[in-house]
Amino acid sequence: MLNGQKPLAKFVGGEGRFPELVLCYIRMFDRHVAAGRFVRRDEIIQSPRGPIHYIYFALPDEGWRIQAMIDLMARPGPWAREKEGEEGSVLGYTDEQNDLWLSLRYPIG
């Protein structure tokens, strides 16, 4: 993210149950938030298995991606190729990167 190649990062875990290694990464990202290089947004979603904690980090000019990701995750319907492709786009992957990932994740035939 610091070199501008990736505009959005997302961490997901059970509320209060991120592994220590993930917390280490989150603390590293938080240092960039404190310096004004990233913005952060936390969302807690209730699920049948308990609360799920989403932590989003974005470049300041790319903060719109956080809401776009939240909206995508909240959209009804099954998670499938279309939503996965949209997720890749919101995360900032190129069309070529998305196409490659989708061809591996959802092979045709």
C-alpha atoms as a PDB file:
ATOM      1  CA  MET A   1       0.000   0.000   0.000  1.00  0.00           C
ATOM      2  CA  LEU A   2       2.820   2.413   0.773  1.00  0.00           C
ATOM      3  CA  ASN A   3       4.035   2.414  -2.829  1.00  0.00           C
ATOM      4  CA  GLY A   4       0.469   2.957  -4.112  1.00  0.00           C
ATOM      5  CA  GLN A   5       0.056  -0.424  -5.822  1.00  0.00           C
ATOM      6  CA  LYS A   6      -2.637  -1.690  -3.446  1.00  0.00           C
ATOM      7  CA  PRO A   7      -5.251   0.814  -2.276  1.00  0.00           C
ATOM      8  CA  LEU A   8      -7.176  -1.311   0.250  1.00  0.00           C
ATOM      9  CA  ALA A   9      -6.476  -4.003   2.833  1.00  0.00           C
ATOM     10  CA  LYS A  10      -8.997  -6.038   4.811  1.00  0.00           C
ATOM     11  CA  PHE A  11      -8.520  -8.116   7.959  1.00  0.00           C
ATOM     12  CA  VAL A  12     -11.327 -10.372   9.185  1.00  0.00           C
ATOM     13  CA  GLY A  13     -11.615 -12.299  12.418  1.00  0.00           C
ATOM     14  CA  GLY A  14     -13.830 -13.109  15.335  1.00  0.00           C
ATOM     15  CA  GLU A  15     -14.353 -10.094  17.563  1.00  0.00           C
ATOM     16  CA  GLY A  16     -11.484 -10.002  20.048  1.00  0.00           C
ATOM     17  CA  ARG A  17      -9.991 -13.180  18.563  1.00  0.00           C
ATOM     18  CA  PHE A  18      -7.402 -12.089  16.005  1.00  0.00           C
ATOM     19  CA  PRO A  19      -4.257 -14.229  16.251  1.00  0.00           C
ATOM     20  CA  GLU A  20      -1.210 -12.407  17.645  1.00  0.00           C
ATOM     21  CA  LEU A  21       0.527 -12.453  14.250  1.00  0.00           C
ATOM     22  CA  VAL A  22      -2.437 -10.668  12.639  1.00  0.00           C
ATOM     23  CA  LEU A  23      -2.516  -8.169  15.509  1.00  0.00           C
ATOM     24  CA  CYS A  24       1.150  -7.454  14.796  1.00  0.00           C
ATOM     25  CA  TYR A  25       0.270  -6.554  11.193  1.00  0.00           C
ATOM     26  CA  ILE A  26      -2.677  -4.442  12.320  1.00  0.00           C
ATOM     27  CA  ARG A  27      -0.391  -2.502  14.673  1.00  0.00           C
ATOM     28  CA  MET A  28       2.005  -1.879  11.762  1.00  0.00           C
ATOM     29  CA  PHE A  29      -0.890  -0.537   9.675  1.00  0.00           C
ATOM     30  CA  ASP A  30      -2.070   1.590  12.614  1.00  0.00           C
ATOM     31  CA  ARG A  31       1.295   3.368  12.701  1.00  0.00           C
ATOM     32  CA  HIS A  32       0.584   4.513   9.140  1.00  0.00           C
ATOM     33  CA  VAL A  33      -2.914   5.609  10.164  1.00  0.00           C
ATOM     34  CA  ALA A  34      -1.373   7.728  12.937  1.00  0.00           C
ATOM     35  CA  ALA A  35       0.992   9.274  10.374  1.00  0.00           C
ATOM     36  CA  GLY A  36      -1.897  10.079   8.009  1.00  0.00           C
ATOM     37  CA  ARG A  37      -0.772   7.668   5.267  1.00  0.00           C
ATOM     38  CA  PHE A  38      -3.752   5.298   5.704  1.00  0.00           C
ATOM     39  CA  VAL A  39      -7.319   5.553   6.969  1.00  0.00           C
ATOM     40  CA  ARG A  40      -8.943   2.827   9.074  1.00  0.00           C
ATOM     41  CA  ARG A  41     -12.510   1.693   9.588  1.00  0.00           C
ATOM     42  CA  ASP A  42     -13.766  -1.087  11.858  1.00  0.00           C
ATOM     43  CA  GLU A  43     -17.059  -2.884  11.320  1.00  0.00           C
ATOM     44  CA  ILE A  44     -18.560  -5.553  13.571  1.00  0.00           C
ATOM     45  CA  ILE A  45     -21.180  -7.733  11.937  1.00  0.00           C
ATOM     46  CA  GLN A  46     -23.371 -10.134  13.883  1.00  0.00           C
ATOM     47  CA  SER A  47     -23.440 -13.651  12.466  1.00  0.00           C
ATOM     48  CA  PRO A  48     -24.957 -16.936  13.646  1.00  0.00           C
ATOM     49  CA  ARG A  49     -21.460 -17.968  14.795  1.00  0.00           C
ATOM     50  CA  GLY A  50     -20.866 -14.753  16.734  1.00  0.00           C
ATOM     51  CA  PRO A  51     -19.604 -11.271  15.974  1.00  0.00           C
ATOM     52  CA  ILE A  52     -17.208 -10.881  13.054  1.00  0.00           C
ATOM     53  CA  HIS A  53     -14.742  -8.002  13.145  1.00  0.00           C
ATOM     54  CA  TYR A  54     -13.696  -6.421   9.848  1.00  0.00           C
ATOM     55  CA  ILE A  55     -10.816  -3.952   9.843  1.00  0.00           C
ATOM     56  CA  TYR A  56     -10.248  -1.977   6.655  1.00  0.00           C
ATOM     57  CA  PHE A  57      -7.249   0.161   5.762  1.00  0.00           C
ATOM     58  CA  ALA A  58      -7.164   2.385   2.689  1.00  0.00           C
ATOM     59  CA  LEU A  59      -5.017   5.060   1.179  1.00  0.00           C
ATOM     60  CA  PRO A  60      -6.580   8.429   2.078  1.00  0.00           C
ATOM     61  CA  ASP A  61      -7.670   9.182  -1.501  1.00  0.00           C
ATOM     62  CA  GLU A  62      -9.069   5.658  -1.851  1.00  0.00           C
ATOM     63  CA  GLY A  63     -11.238   5.636   1.274  1.00  0.00           C
ATOM     64  CA  TRP A  64     -14.361   5.168  -0.877  1.00  0.00           C
ATOM     65  CA  ARG A  65     -13.228   1.562  -1.356  1.00  0.00           C
ATOM     66  CA  ILE A  66     -14.000   0.767   2.273  1.00  0.00           C
ATOM     67  CA  GLN A  67     -17.710   1.538   1.871  1.00  0.00           C
ATOM     68  CA  ALA A  68     -17.757  -0.210  -1.513  1.00  0.00           C
ATOM     69  CA  MET A  69     -16.393  -3.360   0.152  1.00  0.00           C
ATOM     70  CA  ILE A  70     -18.888  -3.132   3.025  1.00  0.00           C
ATOM     71  CA  ASP A  71     -21.734  -2.738   0.533  1.00  0.00           C
ATOM     72  CA  LEU A  72     -20.477  -5.710  -1.504  1.00  0.00           C
ATOM     73  CA  MET A  73     -20.233  -7.923   1.576  1.00  0.00           C
ATOM     74  CA  ALA A  74     -23.768  -6.936   2.656  1.00  0.00           C
ATOM     75  CA  ARG A  75     -25.357  -7.556  -0.740  1.00  0.00           C
ATOM     76  CA  PRO A  76     -27.779 -10.502  -0.605  1.00  0.00           C
ATOM     77  CA  GLY A  77     -27.135 -13.641  -2.572  1.00  0.00           C
ATOM     78  CA  PRO A  78     -24.470 -16.288  -2.633  1.00  0.00           C
ATOM     79  CA  TRP A  79     -20.782 -15.552  -2.895  1.00  0.00           C
ATOM     80  CA  ALA A  80     -19.926 -16.486  -6.461  1.00  0.00           C
ATOM     81  CA  ARG A  81     -17.716 -15.538  -9.393  1.00  0.00           C
ATOM     82  CA  GLU A  82     -19.347 -12.136  -9.947  1.00  0.00           C
ATOM     83  CA  LYS A  83     -18.960 -10.994  -6.341  1.00  0.00           C
ATOM     84  CA  GLU A  84     -15.440 -12.365  -6.137  1.00  0.00           C
ATOM     85  CA  GLY A  85     -14.504 -10.382  -9.235  1.00  0.00           C
ATOM     86  CA  GLU A  86     -16.006  -7.239  -7.743  1.00  0.00           C
ATOM     87  CA  GLU A  87     -14.079  -7.839  -4.532  1.00  0.00           C
ATOM     88  CA  GLY A  88     -10.836  -8.061  -6.493  1.00  0.00           C
ATOM     89  CA  SER A  89     -11.615  -4.809  -8.267  1.00  0.00           C
ATOM     90  CA  VAL A  90     -12.429  -3.006  -5.020  1.00  0.00           C
ATOM     91  CA  LEU A  91      -9.202  -4.351  -3.502  1.00  0.00           C
ATOM     92  CA  GLY A  92      -7.391  -2.774  -6.443  1.00  0.00           C
ATOM     93  CA  TYR A  93      -6.357  -5.775  -8.509  1.00  0.00           C
ATOM     94  CA  THR A  94      -6.081  -5.308 -12.268  1.00  0.00           C
ATOM     95  CA  ASP A  95      -8.519  -6.945 -14.693  1.00  0.00           C
ATOM     96  CA  GLU A  96      -5.751  -9.351 -15.705  1.00  0.00           C
ATOM     97  CA  GLN A  97      -5.042 -10.321 -12.085  1.00  0.00           C
ATOM     98  CA  ASN A  98      -8.767 -10.770 -11.428  1.00  0.00           C
ATOM     99  CA  ASP A  99      -9.246 -12.864 -14.568  1.00  0.00           C
ATOM    100  CA  LEU A 100      -6.382 -15.156 -13.594  1.00  0.00           C
ATOM    101  CA  TRP A 101      -7.675 -15.580 -10.038  1.00  0.00           C
ATOM    102  CA  LEU A 102     -11.236 -16.230 -11.195  1.00  0.00           C
ATOM    103  CA  SER A 103     -10.092 -18.793 -13.770  1.00  0.00           C
ATOM    104  CA  LEU A 104      -8.322 -20.689 -10.984  1.00  0.00           C
ATOM    105  CA  ARG A 105     -11.083 -20.294  -8.405  1.00  0.00           C
ATOM    106  CA  TYR A 106     -13.996 -20.931 -10.754  1.00  0.00           C
ATOM    107  CA  PRO A 107     -12.721 -23.113 -13.591  1.00  0.00           C
ATOM    108  CA  ILE A 108     -15.080 -23.592 -16.518  1.00  0.00           C
ATOM    109  CA  GLY A 109     -15.754 -27.119 -17.708  1.00  0.00           C
END
